[in-house]
Protein backbone atom coordinates (compact mmCIF):
# COMPACT_ATOMS: atom_id res chain seq x y z
CA UNK A 1 0.00 -0.15 0.14
CA UNK A 2 1.39 3.45 -1.03
CA UNK A 3 2.51 5.60 1.89
CA UNK A 4 2.12 8.88 -0.25
CA UNK A 5 -0.80 10.45 1.22
CA UNK A 6 -2.36 13.93 0.90
CA UNK A 7 -3.64 15.97 3.12
CA UNK A 8 -7.22 14.63 2.56
CA UNK A 9 -5.85 11.20 3.53
CA UNK A 10 -5.90 10.19 -0.21
CA UNK A 11 -3.37 7.60 -1.05
CA UNK A 12 -1.28 8.37 -4.30
CA UNK A 13 0.01 5.63 -6.29
CA UNK A 14 -0.06 7.15 -9.81
CA UNK A 15 2.30 9.25 -11.61
CA UNK A 16 1.87 10.73 -15.02
CA UNK A 17 4.98 12.05 -16.51
CA UNK A 18 5.07 14.53 -19.44
CA UNK A 19 8.37 13.59 -21.51
CA UNK A 20 8.16 16.71 -23.72
CA UNK A 21 5.81 19.88 -24.19
CA UNK A 22 6.55 19.76 -28.32
CA UNK A 23 3.90 18.07 -30.65
CA UNK A 24 3.51 17.42 -33.92
CA UNK A 25 -0.39 18.37 -33.61
CA UNK A 26 -1.91 21.76 -32.96
CA UNK A 27 -5.07 20.66 -31.24
CA UNK A 28 -7.66 23.62 -30.77
CA UNK A 29 -7.94 22.74 -27.01
CA UNK A 30 -4.12 22.34 -25.95
CA UNK A 31 -2.12 24.50 -28.20
CA UNK A 32 -1.10 27.97 -26.71
CA UNK A 33 0.75 30.94 -26.92
CA UNK A 34 3.70 29.85 -25.08
CA UNK A 35 7.24 29.13 -26.47
CA UNK A 36 8.77 25.49 -26.60
CA UNK A 37 11.06 24.80 -24.12
CA UNK A 38 14.97 24.46 -24.68
CA UNK A 39 16.45 21.63 -24.54
CA UNK A 40 18.19 22.12 -21.14
CA UNK A 41 14.78 23.12 -19.65
CA UNK A 42 13.57 19.75 -19.91
CA UNK A 43 14.35 16.53 -17.73
CA UNK A 44 16.81 14.24 -18.87
CA UNK A 45 15.83 10.60 -19.02
CA UNK A 46 17.95 9.77 -16.22
CA UNK A 47 16.62 12.18 -14.07
CA UNK A 48 12.70 11.22 -15.04
CA UNK A 49 14.33 7.73 -13.92
CA UNK A 50 15.62 9.27 -10.43
CA UNK A 51 12.23 10.63 -9.61
CA UNK A 52 10.17 7.81 -10.51
CA UNK A 53 13.04 5.54 -8.22
CA UNK A 54 11.84 8.19 -5.55
CA UNK A 55 8.26 7.73 -6.11
CA UNK A 56 8.08 4.19 -6.15
CA UNK A 57 10.32 3.94 -2.89
CA UNK A 58 6.78 5.95 -1.62
CA UNK A 59 4.44 3.50 -2.83
CA UNK A 60 3.37 4.46 -6.46
CA UNK A 61 3.47 1.64 -8.82
CA UNK A 62 1.86 3.04 -12.04
CA UNK A 63 3.32 5.63 -14.61
CA UNK A 64 2.00 7.41 -17.41
CA UNK A 65 3.94 9.06 -20.19
CA UNK A 66 2.59 12.08 -21.73
CA UNK A 67 3.66 15.05 -23.61
CA UNK A 68 3.03 17.29 -25.75
CA UNK A 69 3.28 14.39 -27.73
CA UNK A 70 5.61 11.91 -26.15
CA UNK A 71 6.84 10.03 -29.05
CA UNK A 72 8.16 13.14 -30.67
CA UNK A 73 10.87 12.84 -28.01
CA UNK A 74 13.63 10.51 -29.51
CA UNK A 75 14.46 6.92 -28.21
CA UNK A 76 11.38 7.16 -25.76
CA UNK A 77 11.62 3.10 -25.68
CA UNK A 78 14.59 3.68 -23.52
CA UNK A 79 12.96 5.37 -21.10
CA UNK A 80 10.07 2.53 -20.81
CA UNK A 81 12.90 0.23 -20.65
CA UNK A 82 14.66 2.01 -17.69
CA UNK A 83 11.42 2.64 -16.02
CA UNK A 84 10.05 -0.77 -15.97
CA UNK A 85 13.13 -1.96 -14.39
CA UNK A 86 12.35 0.12 -11.19
CA UNK A 87 11.38 -1.97 -8.02
CA UNK A 88 8.04 -1.45 -7.40
CA UNK A 89 6.88 -0.25 -10.73
CA UNK A 90 3.81 -2.65 -12.01
CA UNK A 91 2.72 -0.77 -15.12
CA UNK A 92 3.82 1.78 -17.45
CA UNK A 93 0.87 3.28 -20.02
CA UNK A 94 0.99 6.33 -22.34
CA UNK A 95 -1.29 9.01 -23.67
CA UNK A 96 -0.60 9.78 -27.24
CA UNK A 97 -1.94 11.25 -30.31
CA UNK A 98 -1.31 8.11 -32.26
CA UNK A 99 0.25 9.51 -35.65
CA UNK A 100 3.66 7.75 -34.72
CA UNK A 101 2.25 4.65 -33.24
CA UNK A 102 2.33 2.43 -36.07
CA UNK A 103 6.09 3.22 -36.27
CA UNK A 104 6.96 2.50 -32.53
CA UNK A 105 4.30 0.22 -31.18
CA UNK A 106 6.40 -3.24 -31.33
CA UNK A 107 9.61 -1.48 -29.99
CA UNK A 108 7.64 0.18 -27.05
CA UNK A 109 5.84 -3.05 -26.03
CA UNK A 110 8.90 -4.94 -26.03
CA UNK A 111 10.43 -2.27 -23.71
CA UNK A 112 7.73 -2.60 -21.05
CA UNK A 113 4.91 -0.35 -22.10
CA UNK A 114 1.52 -2.14 -21.33
CA UNK A 115 -0.93 -0.13 -23.09
CA UNK A 116 -2.05 3.02 -24.87
CA UNK A 117 -4.53 5.96 -24.86
CA UNK A 118 -5.14 7.47 -28.10
CA UNK A 119 -6.72 11.16 -28.43
CA UNK A 120 -8.81 11.10 -31.13
CA UNK A 121 -11.49 13.87 -31.61
CA UNK A 122 -12.94 12.97 -35.31
CA UNK A 123 -13.04 9.94 -37.75
CA UNK A 124 -13.70 12.86 -40.85
CA UNK A 125 -10.42 14.07 -42.56
CA UNK A 126 -11.65 17.43 -43.28
CA UNK A 127 -12.64 17.76 -39.34
CA UNK A 128 -9.68 15.96 -38.08
CA UNK A 129 -7.58 18.68 -40.03
CA UNK A 130 -9.67 21.58 -38.41
CA UNK A 131 -9.05 20.34 -34.78
CA UNK A 132 -5.40 19.34 -35.17
CA UNK A 133 -4.17 21.11 -37.75
CA UNK A 134 -2.53 17.97 -39.48
CA UNK A 135 -3.73 16.01 -42.40
CA UNK A 136 -2.53 12.55 -40.16
CA UNK A 137 -5.99 10.71 -39.48
CA UNK A 138 -4.88 7.74 -41.31
CA UNK A 139 -1.79 7.60 -39.29
CA UNK A 140 -3.93 7.71 -36.09
CA UNK A 141 -5.80 4.96 -37.51
CA UNK A 142 -2.93 2.88 -38.41
CA UNK A 143 -1.56 3.38 -34.79
CA UNK A 144 -4.71 1.96 -32.88
CA UNK A 145 -4.53 -0.80 -35.32
CA UNK A 146 -0.51 -1.25 -34.45
CA UNK A 147 -1.10 -1.50 -31.16
CA UNK A 148 -4.01 -3.93 -30.98
CA UNK A 149 -1.78 -6.13 -33.02
CA UNK A 150 1.35 -6.15 -30.64
CA UNK A 151 -0.64 -6.50 -27.47
CA UNK A 152 -0.91 -2.58 -26.16
CA UNK A 153 -4.30 -3.57 -24.78
CA UNK A 154 -6.96 -2.49 -24.19
CA UNK A 155 -6.45 0.51 -26.33
CA UNK A 156 -8.76 3.54 -25.29
CA UNK A 157 -9.85 6.18 -27.66
CA UNK A 158 -10.03 9.57 -25.85
CA UNK A 159 -12.57 11.68 -27.77
CA UNK A 160 -13.06 15.44 -26.33
CA UNK A 161 -16.03 16.63 -27.23
CA UNK A 162 -16.68 20.20 -28.63
CA UNK A 163 -19.69 21.50 -28.69
CA UNK A 164 -20.62 22.98 -31.90
CA UNK A 165 -17.38 21.13 -33.84
CA UNK A 166 -17.36 17.31 -33.13
CA UNK A 167 -20.65 16.56 -31.32
CA UNK A 168 -22.26 15.21 -34.20
CA UNK A 169 -19.64 12.10 -34.12
CA UNK A 170 -20.67 11.15 -30.65
CA UNK A 171 -22.87 8.25 -32.29
CA UNK A 172 -20.02 7.27 -34.93
CA UNK A 173 -17.74 6.64 -32.22
CA UNK A 174 -20.14 4.72 -30.02
CA UNK A 175 -20.97 2.53 -32.91
CA UNK A 176 -17.17 1.96 -33.11
CA UNK A 177 -17.67 0.06 -29.99
CA UNK A 178 -20.32 -2.59 -31.79
CA UNK A 179 -18.46 -2.50 -35.44
CA UNK A 180 -14.81 -2.74 -34.28
CA UNK A 181 -14.51 -3.50 -30.58
CA UNK A 182 -13.14 -0.03 -29.79
CA UNK A 183 -12.76 1.31 -26.09
CA UNK A 184 -14.28 4.45 -26.34
CA UNK A 185 -14.01 7.54 -23.57
CA UNK A 186 -15.96 10.67 -23.87
CA UNK A 187 -14.08 13.59 -21.68
CA UNK A 188 -15.71 16.66 -21.37
CA UNK A 189 -13.82 19.97 -22.40
CA UNK A 190 -11.70 21.34 -19.91
CA UNK A 191 -11.31 25.10 -20.56
CA UNK A 192 -7.64 26.50 -20.15
CA UNK A 193 -7.25 30.34 -20.39
CA UNK A 194 -4.65 29.56 -22.94
CA UNK A 195 -6.65 27.33 -25.30
CA UNK A 196 -8.13 28.61 -28.66
CA UNK A 197 -11.19 26.64 -27.99
CA UNK A 198 -11.61 28.16 -24.48
CA UNK A 199 -15.35 29.94 -25.09
CA UNK A 200 -16.78 27.10 -27.36
CA UNK A 201 -19.09 25.68 -24.26
CA UNK A 202 -20.09 22.36 -22.66
CA UNK A 203 -21.40 19.15 -23.87
CA UNK A 204 -21.91 17.36 -20.62
CA UNK A 205 -21.41 13.48 -20.15
CA UNK A 206 -24.99 13.31 -18.99
CA UNK A 207 -26.20 14.93 -22.25
CA UNK A 208 -23.56 12.67 -24.55
CA UNK A 209 -25.20 9.55 -22.89
CA UNK A 210 -28.43 10.73 -23.14
CA UNK A 211 -27.63 11.19 -26.93
CA UNK A 212 -26.13 7.55 -27.43
CA UNK A 213 -29.23 5.82 -25.57
CA UNK A 214 -31.71 7.54 -27.55
CA UNK A 215 -29.70 6.09 -31.08
CA UNK A 216 -28.00 2.86 -29.87
CA UNK A 217 -29.86 1.60 -26.92
CA UNK A 218 -29.82 1.13 -22.98
CA UNK A 219 -26.26 1.67 -21.68
CA UNK A 220 -25.06 -1.33 -19.34
CA UNK A 221 -22.68 -0.50 -16.43
CA UNK A 222 -19.42 -2.04 -16.84
CA UNK A 223 -16.23 -2.70 -14.98
CA UNK A 224 -13.45 -1.92 -17.00
CA UNK A 225 -10.01 -4.50 -17.17
CA UNK A 226 -7.47 -1.86 -16.74
CA UNK A 227 -7.27 1.67 -15.58
CA UNK A 228 -6.55 4.18 -12.84
CA UNK A 229 -8.71 7.21 -14.22
CA UNK A 230 -12.38 8.73 -13.39
CA UNK A 231 -14.44 7.28 -16.20
CA UNK A 232 -17.30 5.43 -15.76
CA UNK A 233 -17.84 2.75 -17.80
CA UNK A 234 -20.86 0.90 -20.00
CA UNK A 235 -21.05 -1.21 -22.98
CA UNK A 236 -23.97 -1.04 -25.61
CA UNK A 237 -25.82 -4.34 -25.94
CA UNK A 238 -24.03 -7.13 -28.30
CA UNK A 239 -20.72 -4.97 -28.09
CA UNK A 240 -17.47 -6.10 -27.65
CA UNK A 241 -15.93 -2.70 -26.51
CA UNK A 242 -16.80 -0.19 -24.05
CA UNK A 243 -17.89 2.97 -23.35
CA UNK A 244 -16.39 5.62 -20.58
CA UNK A 245 -17.64 8.79 -19.68
CA UNK A 246 -15.22 11.35 -18.24
CA UNK A 247 -17.02 14.14 -16.58
CA UNK A 248 -14.10 16.74 -15.66
CA UNK A 249 -16.19 19.42 -15.47
CA UNK A 250 -20.00 18.54 -14.09
CA UNK A 251 -18.67 15.08 -12.09
CA UNK A 252 -15.79 16.37 -9.73
CA UNK A 253 -14.10 13.00 -9.13
CA UNK A 254 -11.67 14.58 -6.99
CA UNK A 255 -12.51 12.54 -3.77
CA UNK A 256 -10.93 9.58 -5.22
CA UNK A 257 -8.03 11.04 -6.89
CA UNK A 258 -4.96 9.35 -6.57
CA UNK A 259 -2.32 10.88 -9.10
CA UNK A 260 0.28 13.62 -9.57
CA UNK A 261 2.04 14.68 -12.40
CA UNK A 262 5.83 15.67 -13.66
CA UNK A 263 6.30 18.37 -16.05
CA UNK A 264 8.70 17.91 -18.71
CA UNK A 265 10.38 20.96 -17.17
CA UNK A 266 10.92 19.19 -13.79
CA UNK A 267 7.64 20.53 -11.96
CA UNK A 268 5.96 17.95 -9.39
CA UNK A 269 2.33 19.30 -10.01
CA UNK A 270 -0.73 17.93 -7.47
CA UNK A 271 -3.39 18.69 -9.88
CA UNK A 272 -3.62 19.32 -13.25
CA UNK A 273 -6.81 21.75 -12.63
CA UNK A 274 -4.57 23.58 -10.24
CA UNK A 275 -1.45 25.97 -10.34
CA UNK A 276 0.66 24.80 -7.49
CA UNK A 277 3.76 23.27 -8.21
CA UNK A 278 7.16 21.95 -6.59
CA UNK A 279 10.08 22.59 -8.38
CA UNK A 280 12.26 19.03 -8.57
CA UNK A 281 14.53 19.56 -11.23
CA UNK A 282 17.09 22.22 -9.49
CA UNK A 283 17.61 19.67 -6.62
CA UNK A 284 17.83 16.92 -8.89
CA UNK A 285 20.58 18.93 -10.69
CA UNK A 286 22.66 19.68 -7.62
CA UNK A 287 22.60 16.23 -6.31
CA UNK A 288 19.55 15.53 -4.35
CA UNK A 289 19.42 12.13 -2.79
CA UNK A 290 16.75 9.66 -3.33
CA UNK A 291 15.37 10.45 0.09
CA UNK A 292 15.45 14.41 -0.59
CA UNK A 293 13.84 13.84 -3.86
CA UNK A 294 10.92 11.48 -1.82
CA UNK A 295 10.70 14.53 0.84
CA UNK A 296 9.76 16.78 -2.54
CA UNK A 297 7.44 14.32 -3.85
CA UNK A 298 5.56 14.03 -0.12
CA UNK A 299 5.64 18.13 0.09
CA UNK A 300 3.45 18.06 -3.32
CA UNK A 301 1.29 15.43 -2.67
CA UNK A 302 0.36 17.68 0.61
CA UNK A 303 -0.75 20.69 -1.62
CA UNK A 304 -3.46 18.51 -3.08
CA UNK A 305 -6.45 20.49 -2.66
CA UNK A 306 -9.69 18.90 -1.76
CA UNK A 307 -11.35 19.47 -5.12
CA UNK A 308 -11.28 21.81 -8.70
CA UNK A 309 -13.55 24.29 -9.06
CA UNK A 310 -13.96 24.20 -13.07
CA UNK A 311 -17.80 24.34 -12.72
CA UNK A 312 -17.58 27.56 -10.94
CA UNK A 313 -15.27 29.42 -13.51
CA UNK A 314 -11.98 28.70 -11.83
CA UNK A 315 -9.78 28.31 -14.99
CA UNK A 316 -6.00 27.09 -14.77
CA UNK A 317 -3.80 29.83 -16.05
CA UNK A 318 -0.60 29.37 -15.33
CA UNK A 319 0.27 26.98 -17.82
CA UNK A 320 -1.28 25.30 -21.08
CA UNK A 321 -2.73 21.75 -21.35
CA UNK A 322 0.44 21.00 -23.38
CA UNK A 323 2.88 22.39 -20.92
CA UNK A 324 1.54 20.19 -18.06
CA UNK A 325 0.69 17.02 -20.02
CA UNK A 326 -2.69 15.78 -20.01
């Protein structure tokens, strides 16, 4: 059992690590005006390894690699292999936009990656370009197929539902659980002050579920095979795949939060939706011991607040999603 506990007695055993702020797409809810970090700003793989060692000593067992887009960082499989060898780490997963997955899926699986979440907000090439700024839908679909083929499963497809932009595809994604066995997760759009989609409005998970049931039938609650997140899972009758719903704005799931984040530039961030951070890069680079790093991690956990206040209009302003790591 994890000995890493926050001020509200929540045990923390899950760490999300952003390995880069760079990305090969420019999604409208993630892109921002901020300049990219310099090479020296970003934590080296050896430094990430040391932080994970300290986190594992406190009971962290699960790691998720994020970005920006993690696969634009060279030799990511080397980091996966390093982290897979840390005593106490039971699972390494990754969130990706999928554009480079077909190239690296087998290599990542061999290195120790267990599964992937793929961000995909449209099945229509033109709209995919509108949302992401890239003509790479075919690459993403190839990456999903490659991940399933090599066993990076379950592959979860994350769709951010954007009001007036892609909400008409909710049913198309749901049908994929029937026809292709996809595991789809609908995510409420979280407004960040620096995103270009900040003022679009919200399609709630309750509304999404209602639309699906009106078209495709009753949703049956389902217990997921794997995962640490806040999604509620269901199945449609006859589906091999699942439907998950993440009400990031309308359904505050903070009471069960078991995670914290490490940003690409070496900040420990207790919450995605709060601007509190603790610098761990400077102590790392001046030679802090494993025990000293563990103390910083515990300090970060102690900063976790009871809950976020997105539904009250309290929008994070310090960083963009691309800088934090989704």
